[in-house]
């Protein structure tokens, strides 16, 4: 009976391992222009992966590690990236419209010209990120850390920035029309025009 139970446990564990391995695309680490729609890559190690031009729309990337990944022109529309690490990731011209990035780490990420329309970036870290000319129309950045980030000439029309940290954030030329800034802090942000920060 004991041997049977051990065998059954081994089979179950082997099956779980096989299923996990099968979930990873064969093209890794180079998946440029790959069709990865709705793929489940939760907690996957995708460090330095080449995903440029890949279609990751609707993908599950919760807690995935995409540090230093190449995501230039990638489609991440509606993807779930809660708690994901995208530190130093290259996301130039990427589509992250409607993506869930709650608590994600985007420190030092390159988000130039990226589309983050309606993205949920609550409590995300964008410290020292470069988001020049990015579109964050109606994005949710409540309690996000934008310290030292470059959002110059970006479009934040209607974005929510309540409680966000804006110390040394470059907002020169940024569209701040209808932006909510209640409780935001960082009076030394470089802006044109300068937003009215409640604690200044």
Protein backbone atom coordinates (compact mmCIF):
# COMPACT_ATOMS: atom_id res chain seq x y z
CA UNK A 1 0.00 0.00 0.00
CA UNK A 2 2.84 2.34 0.90
CA UNK A 3 4.66 1.67 -2.40
CA UNK A 4 1.44 2.26 -4.34
CA UNK A 5 0.92 5.60 -2.64
CA UNK A 6 4.52 6.61 -3.36
CA UNK A 7 4.11 5.63 -7.01
CA UNK A 8 0.87 7.58 -7.28
CA UNK A 9 2.50 10.65 -5.70
CA UNK A 10 5.44 10.39 -8.12
CA UNK A 11 3.11 10.21 -11.11
CA UNK A 12 1.14 13.23 -9.93
CA UNK A 13 4.32 15.25 -9.36
CA UNK A 14 5.72 14.21 -12.74
CA UNK A 15 2.48 15.23 -14.40
CA UNK A 16 2.54 18.63 -12.71
CA UNK A 17 6.15 19.16 -13.78
CA UNK A 18 5.39 18.16 -17.35
CA UNK A 19 2.43 20.52 -17.50
CA UNK A 20 4.57 23.37 -16.17
CA UNK A 21 7.30 22.72 -18.74
CA UNK A 22 4.76 22.47 -21.55
CA UNK A 23 3.44 25.90 -20.65
CA UNK A 24 6.72 27.53 -21.67
CA UNK A 25 6.99 28.35 -25.38
CA UNK A 26 9.60 26.39 -27.32
CA UNK A 27 10.96 29.59 -28.85
CA UNK A 28 12.46 30.87 -25.58
CA UNK A 29 14.68 32.73 -25.02
CA UNK A 30 14.22 34.17 -28.53
CA UNK A 31 10.50 34.62 -29.27
CA UNK A 32 10.57 37.67 -31.51
CA UNK A 33 7.25 38.15 -33.33
CA UNK A 34 5.85 34.96 -31.78
CA UNK A 35 2.11 34.40 -31.30
CA UNK A 36 1.78 33.99 -27.52
CA UNK A 37 -1.76 35.21 -27.06
CA UNK A 38 -3.41 34.20 -23.76
CA UNK A 39 -0.39 32.12 -22.76
CA UNK A 40 0.05 31.24 -19.09
CA UNK A 41 3.53 32.30 -17.97
CA UNK A 42 2.82 32.97 -14.32
CA UNK A 43 6.05 33.22 -12.27
CA UNK A 44 8.09 32.34 -15.37
CA UNK A 45 11.76 33.31 -15.61
CA UNK A 46 11.92 35.40 -18.77
CA UNK A 47 14.98 37.45 -17.92
CA UNK A 48 16.63 38.96 -21.01
CA UNK A 49 14.17 37.13 -23.29
CA UNK A 50 13.73 38.50 -26.80
CA UNK A 51 9.99 39.11 -27.12
CA UNK A 52 10.19 42.02 -29.54
CA UNK A 53 7.11 42.23 -31.73
CA UNK A 54 5.55 39.24 -29.94
CA UNK A 55 1.79 39.07 -29.43
CA UNK A 56 1.27 38.58 -25.68
CA UNK A 57 -2.22 40.05 -25.57
CA UNK A 58 -4.23 38.58 -22.72
CA UNK A 59 -1.19 36.71 -21.42
CA UNK A 60 -0.92 35.72 -17.75
CA UNK A 61 2.44 37.03 -16.56
CA UNK A 62 1.65 37.41 -12.87
CA UNK A 63 4.89 37.52 -10.85
CA UNK A 64 6.93 36.75 -13.98
CA UNK A 65 10.51 38.01 -14.18
CA UNK A 66 11.02 40.03 -17.36
CA UNK A 67 14.09 41.91 -16.20
CA UNK A 68 16.17 43.17 -19.15
CA UNK A 69 13.67 41.59 -21.58
CA UNK A 70 13.35 43.00 -25.10
CA UNK A 71 9.68 43.88 -25.55
CA UNK A 72 10.06 46.49 -28.27
CA UNK A 73 6.80 46.80 -30.24
CA UNK A 74 5.31 43.85 -28.32
CA UNK A 75 1.54 43.59 -27.88
CA UNK A 76 0.65 43.18 -24.19
CA UNK A 77 -2.86 44.55 -24.45
CA UNK A 78 -4.99 43.27 -21.59
CA UNK A 79 -2.12 41.19 -20.21
CA UNK A 80 -1.97 40.43 -16.48
CA UNK A 81 1.40 41.52 -15.07
CA UNK A 82 0.49 41.90 -11.41
CA UNK A 83 3.65 41.80 -9.33
CA UNK A 84 5.81 41.19 -12.39
CA UNK A 85 9.41 42.38 -12.56
CA UNK A 86 10.23 44.43 -15.65
CA UNK A 87 13.29 46.16 -14.29
CA UNK A 88 15.45 47.48 -17.16
CA UNK A 89 13.02 45.98 -19.67
CA UNK A 90 12.85 47.61 -23.08
CA UNK A 91 9.22 48.41 -23.88
CA UNK A 92 9.63 51.04 -26.56
CA UNK A 93 6.50 51.34 -28.74
CA UNK A 94 4.91 48.42 -26.86
CA UNK A 95 1.13 48.19 -26.49
CA UNK A 96 0.13 47.81 -22.82
CA UNK A 97 -3.37 49.21 -23.17
CA UNK A 98 -5.61 47.87 -20.42
CA UNK A 99 -2.77 45.82 -18.92
CA UNK A 100 -2.82 44.95 -15.23
CA UNK A 101 0.49 46.13 -13.76
CA UNK A 102 -0.53 46.44 -10.11
CA UNK A 103 2.59 46.34 -7.95
CA UNK A 104 4.83 45.68 -10.94
CA UNK A 105 8.48 46.72 -10.86
CA UNK A 106 9.26 48.87 -13.90
CA UNK A 107 12.27 50.63 -12.42
CA UNK A 108 14.70 51.82 -15.10
CA UNK A 109 12.40 50.44 -17.83
CA UNK A 110 12.36 52.04 -21.27
CA UNK A 111 8.73 52.94 -22.03
CA UNK A 112 9.30 55.52 -24.73
CA UNK A 113 6.20 55.91 -26.92
CA UNK A 114 4.55 52.95 -25.19
CA UNK A 115 0.75 52.80 -25.11
CA UNK A 116 -0.48 52.41 -21.52
CA UNK A 117 -4.00 53.69 -22.13
CA UNK A 118 -6.23 52.53 -19.29
CA UNK A 119 -3.44 50.46 -17.74
CA UNK A 120 -3.62 49.70 -14.01
CA UNK A 121 -0.32 50.74 -12.44
CA UNK A 122 -1.44 51.10 -8.85
CA UNK A 123 1.50 50.86 -6.42
CA UNK A 124 3.83 50.10 -9.32
CA UNK A 125 7.47 51.19 -9.24
CA UNK A 126 8.53 53.35 -12.18
CA UNK A 127 11.59 54.75 -10.46
CA UNK A 128 13.99 56.22 -13.04
CA UNK A 129 11.86 54.82 -15.88
CA UNK A 130 11.98 56.57 -19.25
CA UNK A 131 8.47 57.17 -20.58
CA UNK A 132 9.00 60.06 -22.94
CA UNK A 133 6.05 60.54 -25.33
CA UNK A 134 4.26 57.56 -23.79
CA UNK A 135 0.46 57.49 -23.71
CA UNK A 136 -1.09 56.95 -20.27
CA UNK A 137 -4.58 58.26 -21.03
CA UNK A 138 -6.90 57.27 -18.16
CA UNK A 139 -4.16 55.14 -16.60
CA UNK A 140 -4.38 54.38 -12.87
CA UNK A 141 -1.13 55.40 -11.16
CA UNK A 142 -2.44 55.74 -7.63
CA UNK A 143 0.35 55.29 -5.05
CA UNK A 144 2.84 54.56 -7.83
CA UNK A 145 6.49 55.58 -7.42
CA UNK A 146 7.61 57.79 -10.30
CA UNK A 147 10.69 59.09 -8.53
CA UNK A 148 13.31 60.31 -10.98
CA UNK A 149 11.26 59.10 -13.95
CA UNK A 150 11.13 60.90 -17.29
CA UNK A 151 7.56 61.47 -18.47
CA UNK A 152 8.39 64.48 -20.64
CA UNK A 153 5.95 65.07 -23.50
CA UNK A 154 3.84 62.11 -22.35
CA UNK A 155 0.04 62.07 -22.43
CA UNK A 156 -1.44 61.58 -18.95
CA UNK A 157 -4.84 63.00 -19.82
CA UNK A 158 -7.36 61.83 -17.20
CA UNK A 159 -4.78 59.72 -15.34
CA UNK A 160 -5.17 59.04 -11.61
CA UNK A 161 -2.06 60.01 -9.62
CA UNK A 162 -3.50 60.21 -6.13
CA UNK A 163 -0.80 59.44 -3.58
CA UNK A 164 1.88 59.02 -6.24
CA UNK A 165 5.52 59.88 -5.50
CA UNK A 166 6.68 62.48 -8.03
CA UNK A 167 10.01 63.53 -6.56
CA UNK A 168 12.39 64.60 -9.33
CA UNK A 169 9.90 63.39 -11.96
CA UNK A 170 10.29 65.13 -15.30
CA UNK A 171 6.82 66.18 -16.46
CA UNK A 172 7.95 68.90 -18.84
CA UNK A 173 5.59 69.19 -21.77
CA UNK A 174 3.35 66.49 -20.33
CA UNK A 175 -0.41 66.61 -20.93
CA UNK A 176 -1.85 66.76 -17.41
CA UNK A 177 -5.40 67.68 -18.38
CA UNK A 178 -7.94 66.34 -15.84
CA UNK A 179 -5.21 64.53 -13.90
CA UNK A 180 -6.11 63.64 -10.30
CA UNK A 181 -3.23 64.57 -7.96
CA UNK A 182 -4.84 64.47 -4.50
CA UNK A 183 -2.25 63.35 -1.97
CA UNK A 184 0.57 63.21 -4.54
CA UNK A 185 3.91 64.39 -3.25
CA UNK A 186 7.14 65.63 -4.78
CA UNK A 187 7.20 69.41 -4.94
CA UNK A 188 10.52 69.43 -6.77
CA UNK A 189 9.12 67.76 -9.89
CA UNK A 190 10.21 69.54 -13.05
CA UNK A 191 7.03 70.44 -14.89
CA UNK A 192 5.74 72.63 -17.69
CA UNK A 193 3.14 73.62 -16.58
CA UNK A 194 3.71 72.76 -12.93
CA UNK A 195 0.90 70.64 -11.43
CA UNK A 196 -0.66 71.76 -8.17
CA UNK A 197 0.49 69.24 -5.64
CA UNK A 198 -1.60 69.33 -2.44
CA UNK A 199 1.32 69.04 -0.02
CA UNK A 200 3.43 71.79 -1.65
